[in-house]
N, C-alpha and C. Protein backbone atom coordinates (compact mmCIF):
# COMPACT_ATOMS: atom_id res chain seq x y z
N MET A 1 0.84 -1.19 0.00
CA MET A 1 0.00 0.00 0.00
C MET A 1 0.88 1.24 0.00
N GLU A 2 0.40 2.23 -0.70
CA GLU A 2 1.14 3.49 -0.80
C GLU A 2 0.38 4.60 -0.09
N LYS A 3 1.12 5.53 0.50
CA LYS A 3 0.51 6.69 1.13
C LYS A 3 0.22 7.70 0.02
N VAL A 4 -1.05 8.14 -0.04
CA VAL A 4 -1.49 9.05 -1.07
C VAL A 4 -2.08 10.30 -0.41
N PHE A 5 -1.70 11.46 -0.90
CA PHE A 5 -2.22 12.74 -0.40
C PHE A 5 -3.17 13.30 -1.45
N LEU A 6 -4.37 13.63 -1.03
CA LEU A 6 -5.38 14.18 -1.93
C LEU A 6 -5.79 15.57 -1.46
N GLY A 7 -5.89 16.50 -2.39
CA GLY A 7 -6.38 17.84 -2.10
C GLY A 7 -7.82 17.97 -2.54
N LEU A 8 -8.68 18.52 -1.68
CA LEU A 8 -10.09 18.69 -2.00
C LEU A 8 -10.45 20.16 -1.90
N GLY A 9 -11.29 20.62 -2.81
CA GLY A 9 -11.72 22.01 -2.78
C GLY A 9 -13.11 22.18 -3.36
N SER A 10 -13.82 23.22 -2.89
CA SER A 10 -15.15 23.54 -3.37
C SER A 10 -15.43 25.02 -3.13
N ASN A 11 -16.11 25.67 -4.11
CA ASN A 11 -16.54 27.05 -3.87
C ASN A 11 -17.91 27.37 -4.46
N ILE A 12 -18.70 26.34 -4.74
CA ILE A 12 -20.06 26.53 -5.24
C ILE A 12 -21.03 25.85 -4.28
N GLY A 13 -22.15 26.51 -4.02
CA GLY A 13 -23.19 25.87 -3.21
C GLY A 13 -22.73 25.56 -1.80
N ASN A 14 -23.14 24.40 -1.30
CA ASN A 14 -22.78 23.96 0.04
C ASN A 14 -21.36 23.38 0.01
N ARG A 15 -20.39 24.28 0.12
CA ARG A 15 -18.98 23.89 -0.02
C ARG A 15 -18.59 22.77 0.94
N ALA A 16 -18.93 22.93 2.21
CA ALA A 16 -18.58 21.92 3.22
C ALA A 16 -19.30 20.60 2.92
N GLY A 17 -20.54 20.70 2.44
CA GLY A 17 -21.30 19.51 2.10
C GLY A 17 -20.67 18.75 0.94
N TYR A 18 -20.19 19.46 -0.08
CA TYR A 18 -19.52 18.80 -1.20
C TYR A 18 -18.24 18.11 -0.74
N ILE A 19 -17.49 18.76 0.12
CA ILE A 19 -16.25 18.14 0.61
C ILE A 19 -16.57 16.91 1.45
N LYS A 20 -17.60 17.01 2.27
CA LYS A 20 -18.02 15.86 3.09
C LYS A 20 -18.43 14.68 2.20
N LYS A 21 -19.20 14.97 1.14
CA LYS A 21 -19.60 13.91 0.19
C LYS A 21 -18.37 13.29 -0.48
N ALA A 22 -17.40 14.13 -0.82
CA ALA A 22 -16.19 13.62 -1.48
C ALA A 22 -15.42 12.69 -0.54
N ILE A 23 -15.26 13.09 0.71
CA ILE A 23 -14.53 12.25 1.67
C ILE A 23 -15.26 10.94 1.87
N LYS A 24 -16.57 11.00 1.99
CA LYS A 24 -17.37 9.76 2.14
C LYS A 24 -17.19 8.88 0.90
N GLY A 25 -17.27 9.49 -0.28
CA GLY A 25 -17.10 8.74 -1.52
C GLY A 25 -15.73 8.10 -1.64
N ILE A 26 -14.70 8.84 -1.25
CA ILE A 26 -13.34 8.30 -1.29
C ILE A 26 -13.22 7.11 -0.34
N SER A 27 -13.85 7.24 0.83
CA SER A 27 -13.77 6.15 1.82
C SER A 27 -14.44 4.88 1.31
N LEU A 28 -15.34 5.01 0.33
CA LEU A 28 -16.05 3.85 -0.21
C LEU A 28 -15.36 3.21 -1.41
N ILE A 29 -14.28 3.83 -1.89
CA ILE A 29 -13.54 3.25 -3.01
C ILE A 29 -12.76 2.04 -2.50
N LYS A 30 -12.98 0.91 -3.14
CA LYS A 30 -12.30 -0.32 -2.75
C LYS A 30 -10.78 -0.16 -2.95
N GLY A 31 -10.03 -0.51 -1.90
CA GLY A 31 -8.58 -0.39 -1.97
C GLY A 31 -8.05 0.91 -1.41
N ILE A 32 -8.94 1.75 -0.86
CA ILE A 32 -8.55 3.03 -0.26
C ILE A 32 -8.93 3.03 1.21
N ASN A 33 -8.00 3.48 2.04
CA ASN A 33 -8.25 3.61 3.48
C ASN A 33 -7.78 4.98 3.92
N ILE A 34 -8.71 5.86 4.30
CA ILE A 34 -8.34 7.21 4.76
C ILE A 34 -7.72 7.09 6.16
N ILE A 35 -6.55 7.70 6.32
CA ILE A 35 -5.85 7.62 7.61
C ILE A 35 -5.72 8.98 8.31
N ALA A 36 -5.91 10.08 7.57
CA ALA A 36 -5.79 11.40 8.20
C ALA A 36 -6.53 12.43 7.35
N ARG A 37 -7.01 13.47 8.04
CA ARG A 37 -7.69 14.57 7.36
C ARG A 37 -7.26 15.87 8.03
N SER A 38 -6.94 16.85 7.22
CA SER A 38 -6.57 18.15 7.77
C SER A 38 -7.82 18.89 8.25
N SER A 39 -7.59 20.02 8.87
CA SER A 39 -8.68 20.94 9.16
C SER A 39 -9.25 21.41 7.83
N LEU A 40 -10.41 22.02 7.91
CA LEU A 40 -11.04 22.64 6.75
C LEU A 40 -10.62 24.11 6.75
N TYR A 41 -10.15 24.59 5.61
CA TYR A 41 -9.67 25.96 5.49
C TYR A 41 -10.50 26.73 4.48
N GLU A 42 -10.77 28.01 4.80
CA GLU A 42 -11.36 28.90 3.81
C GLU A 42 -10.22 29.67 3.16
N THR A 43 -10.21 29.67 1.84
CA THR A 43 -9.06 30.21 1.11
C THR A 43 -9.51 31.13 -0.01
N GLU A 44 -8.65 32.08 -0.30
CA GLU A 44 -8.92 32.96 -1.43
C GLU A 44 -8.73 32.18 -2.73
N PRO A 45 -9.50 32.54 -3.75
CA PRO A 45 -9.34 31.85 -5.03
C PRO A 45 -7.93 32.05 -5.59
N TRP A 46 -7.47 31.04 -6.30
CA TRP A 46 -6.14 31.06 -6.89
C TRP A 46 -6.31 30.99 -8.41
N GLY A 47 -5.56 31.79 -9.13
CA GLY A 47 -5.64 31.75 -10.58
C GLY A 47 -6.68 32.71 -11.11
N LEU A 48 -7.93 32.37 -10.96
CA LEU A 48 -9.05 33.22 -11.37
C LEU A 48 -9.61 33.85 -10.10
N LYS A 49 -9.31 35.12 -9.87
CA LYS A 49 -9.58 35.75 -8.57
C LYS A 49 -11.03 36.14 -8.34
N ASN A 50 -11.77 36.47 -9.38
CA ASN A 50 -13.12 37.01 -9.23
C ASN A 50 -14.14 35.88 -9.08
N GLN A 51 -14.12 35.23 -7.92
CA GLN A 51 -15.06 34.17 -7.61
C GLN A 51 -15.11 34.00 -6.10
N ARG A 52 -16.07 33.21 -5.63
CA ARG A 52 -16.27 32.96 -4.21
C ARG A 52 -15.04 32.27 -3.60
N LYS A 53 -14.84 32.48 -2.30
CA LYS A 53 -13.76 31.80 -1.60
C LYS A 53 -14.00 30.29 -1.62
N PHE A 54 -12.91 29.54 -1.52
CA PHE A 54 -12.96 28.09 -1.51
C PHE A 54 -12.90 27.57 -0.08
N LEU A 55 -13.41 26.36 0.10
CA LEU A 55 -13.06 25.55 1.26
C LEU A 55 -12.13 24.48 0.73
N ASN A 56 -11.04 24.23 1.47
CA ASN A 56 -10.05 23.24 1.07
C ASN A 56 -9.63 22.40 2.25
N CYS A 57 -9.23 21.18 1.96
CA CYS A 57 -8.60 20.32 2.95
C CYS A 57 -7.74 19.29 2.22
N VAL A 58 -6.96 18.59 2.97
CA VAL A 58 -6.13 17.50 2.45
C VAL A 58 -6.47 16.25 3.24
N ILE A 59 -6.58 15.14 2.54
CA ILE A 59 -6.71 13.85 3.23
C ILE A 59 -5.56 12.96 2.81
N VAL A 60 -5.22 12.06 3.70
CA VAL A 60 -4.16 11.09 3.43
C VAL A 60 -4.78 9.71 3.48
N CYS A 61 -4.45 8.91 2.48
CA CYS A 61 -5.01 7.56 2.35
C CYS A 61 -3.89 6.56 2.18
N LEU A 62 -4.20 5.33 2.50
CA LEU A 62 -3.37 4.22 2.06
C LEU A 62 -4.10 3.60 0.89
N SER A 63 -3.38 3.38 -0.20
CA SER A 63 -4.02 2.92 -1.43
C SER A 63 -3.39 1.65 -1.95
N LYS A 64 -4.26 0.71 -2.33
CA LYS A 64 -3.84 -0.50 -3.05
C LYS A 64 -3.96 -0.28 -4.56
N LEU A 65 -4.60 0.83 -4.95
CA LEU A 65 -4.84 1.08 -6.36
C LEU A 65 -3.59 1.60 -7.07
N LYS A 66 -3.54 1.36 -8.37
CA LYS A 66 -2.51 1.96 -9.19
C LYS A 66 -2.90 3.42 -9.41
N PRO A 67 -1.93 4.30 -9.68
CA PRO A 67 -2.26 5.72 -9.83
C PRO A 67 -3.37 5.99 -10.84
N TYR A 68 -3.35 5.36 -12.02
CA TYR A 68 -4.39 5.63 -13.01
C TYR A 68 -5.76 5.19 -12.51
N ASP A 69 -5.82 4.06 -11.83
CA ASP A 69 -7.10 3.58 -11.30
C ASP A 69 -7.65 4.54 -10.26
N LEU A 70 -6.77 5.08 -9.42
CA LEU A 70 -7.21 6.07 -8.44
C LEU A 70 -7.70 7.32 -9.16
N PHE A 71 -6.94 7.81 -10.13
CA PHE A 71 -7.32 9.00 -10.90
C PHE A 71 -8.71 8.81 -11.52
N ARG A 72 -8.92 7.68 -12.15
CA ARG A 72 -10.20 7.39 -12.81
C ARG A 72 -11.34 7.36 -11.79
N ASN A 73 -11.12 6.72 -10.64
CA ASN A 73 -12.14 6.68 -9.59
C ASN A 73 -12.47 8.07 -9.06
N LEU A 74 -11.46 8.91 -8.90
CA LEU A 74 -11.69 10.26 -8.38
C LEU A 74 -12.46 11.12 -9.38
N ARG A 75 -12.16 11.00 -10.67
CA ARG A 75 -12.90 11.77 -11.69
C ARG A 75 -14.37 11.32 -11.72
N LYS A 76 -14.59 10.02 -11.60
CA LYS A 76 -15.96 9.50 -11.58
C LYS A 76 -16.70 10.03 -10.35
N LEU A 77 -16.02 10.04 -9.21
CA LEU A 77 -16.62 10.55 -7.97
C LEU A 77 -16.98 12.03 -8.13
N GLU A 78 -16.08 12.83 -8.71
CA GLU A 78 -16.38 14.24 -8.94
C GLU A 78 -17.67 14.38 -9.77
N GLN A 79 -17.78 13.60 -10.82
CA GLN A 79 -18.98 13.64 -11.67
C GLN A 79 -20.23 13.25 -10.88
N ASN A 80 -20.11 12.19 -10.09
CA ASN A 80 -21.26 11.72 -9.31
C ASN A 80 -21.72 12.75 -8.28
N ILE A 81 -20.78 13.52 -7.75
CA ILE A 81 -21.11 14.55 -6.77
C ILE A 81 -21.77 15.75 -7.47
N GLY A 82 -21.50 15.93 -8.75
CA GLY A 82 -22.14 17.01 -9.50
C GLY A 82 -21.21 18.03 -10.11
N ARG A 83 -19.91 17.71 -10.18
CA ARG A 83 -18.98 18.67 -10.77
C ARG A 83 -19.29 18.90 -12.24
N LYS A 84 -19.30 20.16 -12.60
CA LYS A 84 -19.44 20.57 -13.99
C LYS A 84 -18.15 21.29 -14.37
N ARG A 85 -17.50 20.84 -15.41
CA ARG A 85 -16.26 21.48 -15.86
C ARG A 85 -16.61 22.75 -16.61
N ARG A 86 -16.07 23.86 -16.13
CA ARG A 86 -16.38 25.15 -16.71
C ARG A 86 -15.11 25.77 -17.29
N VAL A 87 -14.50 26.61 -16.52
CA VAL A 87 -13.30 27.33 -16.95
C VAL A 87 -12.14 26.94 -16.04
N LYS A 88 -10.93 26.90 -16.60
CA LYS A 88 -9.75 26.54 -15.82
C LYS A 88 -9.61 27.47 -14.61
N TRP A 89 -9.38 26.86 -13.45
CA TRP A 89 -9.21 27.54 -12.16
C TRP A 89 -10.47 28.29 -11.73
N GLY A 90 -11.59 27.96 -12.34
CA GLY A 90 -12.84 28.64 -12.03
C GLY A 90 -13.64 27.93 -10.95
N PRO A 91 -14.87 28.40 -10.75
CA PRO A 91 -15.74 27.82 -9.73
C PRO A 91 -15.97 26.33 -9.96
N ARG A 92 -16.13 25.61 -8.85
CA ARG A 92 -16.38 24.17 -8.95
C ARG A 92 -17.11 23.66 -7.73
N GLU A 93 -17.97 22.70 -7.98
CA GLU A 93 -18.67 22.04 -6.89
C GLU A 93 -17.68 21.26 -6.04
N ILE A 94 -16.81 20.51 -6.70
CA ILE A 94 -15.79 19.72 -6.00
C ILE A 94 -14.60 19.52 -6.93
N ASP A 95 -13.45 19.55 -6.35
CA ASP A 95 -12.21 19.27 -7.08
C ASP A 95 -11.40 18.34 -6.18
N ILE A 96 -10.93 17.25 -6.75
CA ILE A 96 -10.10 16.30 -6.00
C ILE A 96 -8.83 16.08 -6.80
N ASP A 97 -7.70 16.48 -6.23
CA ASP A 97 -6.41 16.33 -6.90
C ASP A 97 -5.53 15.34 -6.16
N ILE A 98 -4.82 14.52 -6.93
CA ILE A 98 -3.77 13.67 -6.35
C ILE A 98 -2.55 14.56 -6.20
N LEU A 99 -2.14 14.80 -4.96
CA LEU A 99 -0.98 15.66 -4.70
C LEU A 99 0.31 14.85 -4.71
N PHE A 100 0.32 13.78 -3.95
CA PHE A 100 1.46 12.86 -3.89
C PHE A 100 0.93 11.43 -3.92
N PHE A 101 1.68 10.56 -4.53
CA PHE A 101 1.37 9.12 -4.52
C PHE A 101 2.66 8.44 -4.08
N GLY A 102 2.81 8.30 -2.75
CA GLY A 102 4.08 7.85 -2.20
C GLY A 102 5.15 8.84 -2.62
N ASN A 103 6.28 8.32 -3.05
CA ASN A 103 7.36 9.16 -3.58
C ASN A 103 7.47 9.05 -5.09
N ARG A 104 6.41 8.55 -5.72
CA ARG A 104 6.43 8.35 -7.17
C ARG A 104 6.46 9.68 -7.93
N LYS A 105 7.08 9.59 -9.10
CA LYS A 105 7.10 10.70 -10.06
C LYS A 105 6.47 10.15 -11.34
N ILE A 106 5.32 10.71 -11.72
CA ILE A 106 4.56 10.20 -12.86
C ILE A 106 4.10 11.38 -13.70
N LYS A 107 4.25 11.26 -15.01
CA LYS A 107 3.73 12.29 -15.91
C LYS A 107 3.01 11.59 -17.06
N THR A 108 1.69 11.86 -17.15
CA THR A 108 0.87 11.31 -18.23
C THR A 108 0.13 12.47 -18.89
N ILE A 109 -0.64 12.15 -19.90
CA ILE A 109 -1.47 13.17 -20.54
C ILE A 109 -2.51 13.71 -19.57
N ASN A 110 -3.02 12.86 -18.68
CA ASN A 110 -4.11 13.23 -17.77
C ASN A 110 -3.67 13.86 -16.46
N TYR A 111 -2.50 13.51 -15.96
CA TYR A 111 -2.08 14.00 -14.65
C TYR A 111 -0.57 13.91 -14.50
N THR A 112 -0.06 14.70 -13.54
CA THR A 112 1.34 14.67 -13.15
C THR A 112 1.37 14.51 -11.64
N ILE A 113 2.20 13.58 -11.17
CA ILE A 113 2.38 13.34 -9.74
C ILE A 113 3.87 13.39 -9.44
N PRO A 114 4.28 14.19 -8.44
CA PRO A 114 3.50 15.07 -7.60
C PRO A 114 2.82 16.17 -8.43
N HIS A 115 1.71 16.67 -7.88
CA HIS A 115 0.99 17.75 -8.56
C HIS A 115 1.98 18.89 -8.79
N PRO A 116 2.09 19.39 -10.01
CA PRO A 116 3.13 20.37 -10.33
C PRO A 116 2.98 21.74 -9.68
N MET A 117 1.81 22.05 -9.12
CA MET A 117 1.58 23.39 -8.56
C MET A 117 1.62 23.45 -7.03
N ILE A 118 2.00 22.35 -6.39
CA ILE A 118 1.99 22.31 -4.93
C ILE A 118 2.78 23.46 -4.32
N ALA A 119 3.98 23.71 -4.80
CA ALA A 119 4.87 24.70 -4.20
C ALA A 119 4.37 26.13 -4.34
N THR A 120 3.35 26.35 -5.17
CA THR A 120 2.85 27.71 -5.40
C THR A 120 1.46 27.93 -4.85
N ARG A 121 0.96 26.99 -4.09
CA ARG A 121 -0.43 27.07 -3.62
C ARG A 121 -0.51 26.85 -2.11
N ASN A 122 -0.67 27.95 -1.39
CA ASN A 122 -0.76 27.84 0.07
C ASN A 122 -2.00 27.09 0.53
N PHE A 123 -3.07 27.10 -0.28
CA PHE A 123 -4.29 26.38 0.11
C PHE A 123 -4.05 24.87 0.13
N VAL A 124 -2.97 24.42 -0.47
CA VAL A 124 -2.56 23.02 -0.41
C VAL A 124 -1.45 22.85 0.62
N LEU A 125 -0.49 23.75 0.62
CA LEU A 125 0.66 23.63 1.52
C LEU A 125 0.27 23.72 3.00
N VAL A 126 -0.62 24.63 3.34
CA VAL A 126 -0.98 24.78 4.76
C VAL A 126 -1.58 23.49 5.33
N PRO A 127 -2.59 22.88 4.67
CA PRO A 127 -3.10 21.62 5.23
C PRO A 127 -2.09 20.47 5.15
N LEU A 128 -1.24 20.46 4.14
CA LEU A 128 -0.20 19.43 4.07
C LEU A 128 0.75 19.54 5.25
N VAL A 129 1.17 20.76 5.56
CA VAL A 129 2.08 20.98 6.69
C VAL A 129 1.40 20.60 8.00
N GLU A 130 0.11 20.89 8.11
CA GLU A 130 -0.64 20.50 9.32
C GLU A 130 -0.55 18.99 9.54
N LEU A 131 -0.69 18.22 8.47
CA LEU A 131 -0.74 16.76 8.59
C LEU A 131 0.64 16.10 8.69
N PHE A 132 1.55 16.50 7.81
CA PHE A 132 2.84 15.80 7.72
C PHE A 132 3.98 16.78 7.50
N PRO A 133 4.35 17.54 8.53
CA PRO A 133 5.40 18.55 8.36
C PRO A 133 6.77 17.97 8.01
N SER A 134 6.99 16.71 8.26
CA SER A 134 8.31 16.13 7.95
C SER A 134 8.39 15.56 6.53
N PHE A 135 7.27 15.58 5.79
CA PHE A 135 7.27 15.00 4.44
C PHE A 135 8.15 15.84 3.52
N VAL A 136 8.97 15.15 2.73
CA VAL A 136 9.87 15.80 1.78
C VAL A 136 9.30 15.62 0.37
N HIS A 137 9.15 16.74 -0.34
CA HIS A 137 8.65 16.71 -1.71
C HIS A 137 9.61 15.85 -2.53
N PRO A 138 9.12 14.78 -3.19
CA PRO A 138 10.01 13.84 -3.87
C PRO A 138 10.76 14.40 -5.08
N VAL A 139 10.29 15.47 -5.65
CA VAL A 139 10.99 16.08 -6.80
C VAL A 139 11.87 17.24 -6.33
N LEU A 140 11.29 18.12 -5.52
CA LEU A 140 12.02 19.32 -5.09
C LEU A 140 12.99 19.04 -3.95
N LYS A 141 12.81 17.91 -3.26
CA LYS A 141 13.68 17.49 -2.15
C LYS A 141 13.69 18.53 -1.03
N ILE A 142 12.53 19.10 -0.75
CA ILE A 142 12.38 20.11 0.29
C ILE A 142 11.22 19.71 1.19
N LYS A 143 11.40 19.88 2.50
CA LYS A 143 10.31 19.60 3.44
C LYS A 143 9.17 20.59 3.20
N LEU A 144 7.95 20.12 3.46
CA LEU A 144 6.76 20.94 3.21
C LEU A 144 6.78 22.30 3.92
N PRO A 145 7.18 22.38 5.21
CA PRO A 145 7.20 23.70 5.85
C PRO A 145 8.16 24.68 5.15
N ASP A 146 9.24 24.17 4.61
CA ASP A 146 10.19 25.03 3.90
C ASP A 146 9.61 25.50 2.57
N LEU A 147 8.83 24.64 1.91
CA LEU A 147 8.13 25.05 0.70
C LEU A 147 7.14 26.17 1.02
N LEU A 148 6.43 26.02 2.13
CA LEU A 148 5.46 27.04 2.53
C LEU A 148 6.16 28.38 2.80
N LYS A 149 7.30 28.35 3.46
CA LYS A 149 8.05 29.59 3.74
C LYS A 149 8.49 30.27 2.45
N LYS A 150 8.83 29.48 1.44
CA LYS A 150 9.33 30.03 0.16
C LYS A 150 8.21 30.41 -0.80
N SER A 151 6.99 30.06 -0.49
CA SER A 151 5.87 30.27 -1.41
C SER A 151 5.64 31.75 -1.69
N ASN A 152 5.32 32.05 -2.94
CA ASN A 152 4.99 33.41 -3.35
C ASN A 152 3.47 33.64 -3.35
N ASP A 153 2.72 32.69 -2.84
CA ASP A 153 1.26 32.80 -2.79
C ASP A 153 0.90 33.57 -1.52
N TYR A 154 0.25 34.72 -1.68
CA TYR A 154 -0.10 35.54 -0.53
C TYR A 154 -1.59 35.48 -0.22
N GLY A 155 -2.30 34.54 -0.84
CA GLY A 155 -3.72 34.36 -0.57
C GLY A 155 -3.94 33.90 0.86
N LYS A 156 -5.00 34.41 1.50
CA LYS A 156 -5.30 34.02 2.88
C LYS A 156 -5.78 32.58 2.94
N VAL A 157 -5.31 31.88 3.96
CA VAL A 157 -5.71 30.51 4.25
C VAL A 157 -6.05 30.49 5.74
N GLU A 158 -7.35 30.41 6.06
CA GLU A 158 -7.78 30.48 7.45
C GLU A 158 -8.65 29.29 7.81
N ILE A 159 -8.48 28.82 9.04
CA ILE A 159 -9.31 27.72 9.53
C ILE A 159 -10.78 28.12 9.39
N TYR A 160 -11.59 27.17 8.89
CA TYR A 160 -13.01 27.41 8.70
C TYR A 160 -13.77 26.72 9.82
N ASN A 161 -14.68 27.44 10.45
CA ASN A 161 -15.45 26.87 11.56
C ASN A 161 -16.77 26.34 11.09
């Protein structure tokens, strides 16, 4: 089994409800066992600024699945929850990204692991640091807290109650 880090985000409708549905759905995927979940954070939009704030969190799973099988299951789950693909970095009911898959480095047409934008997104780095501050990025060879210190992302990331 491999340790897998997933980033979840929502900024349409019942944001917390969509994230809750996603976590429940992930827990029902055969071969996946959720072992940790970060706090829920309210974050400023990244990329496309003129939209509602997001709720974000990170979960950590143990996975028996191959990366592509996990990717396919997560895309299907997003569809089942009601995600509609609109504009890049735009509003979304739910977004589930594979951030890390163990220490693997994978690049396909559909995805890149580790997620290539981790080091530039505090809405991912803050919950990652909360969960596993000693984790070293397998490509950049830098611990997560050090990535967060070097980040040029100045968007607010605050605990959501």
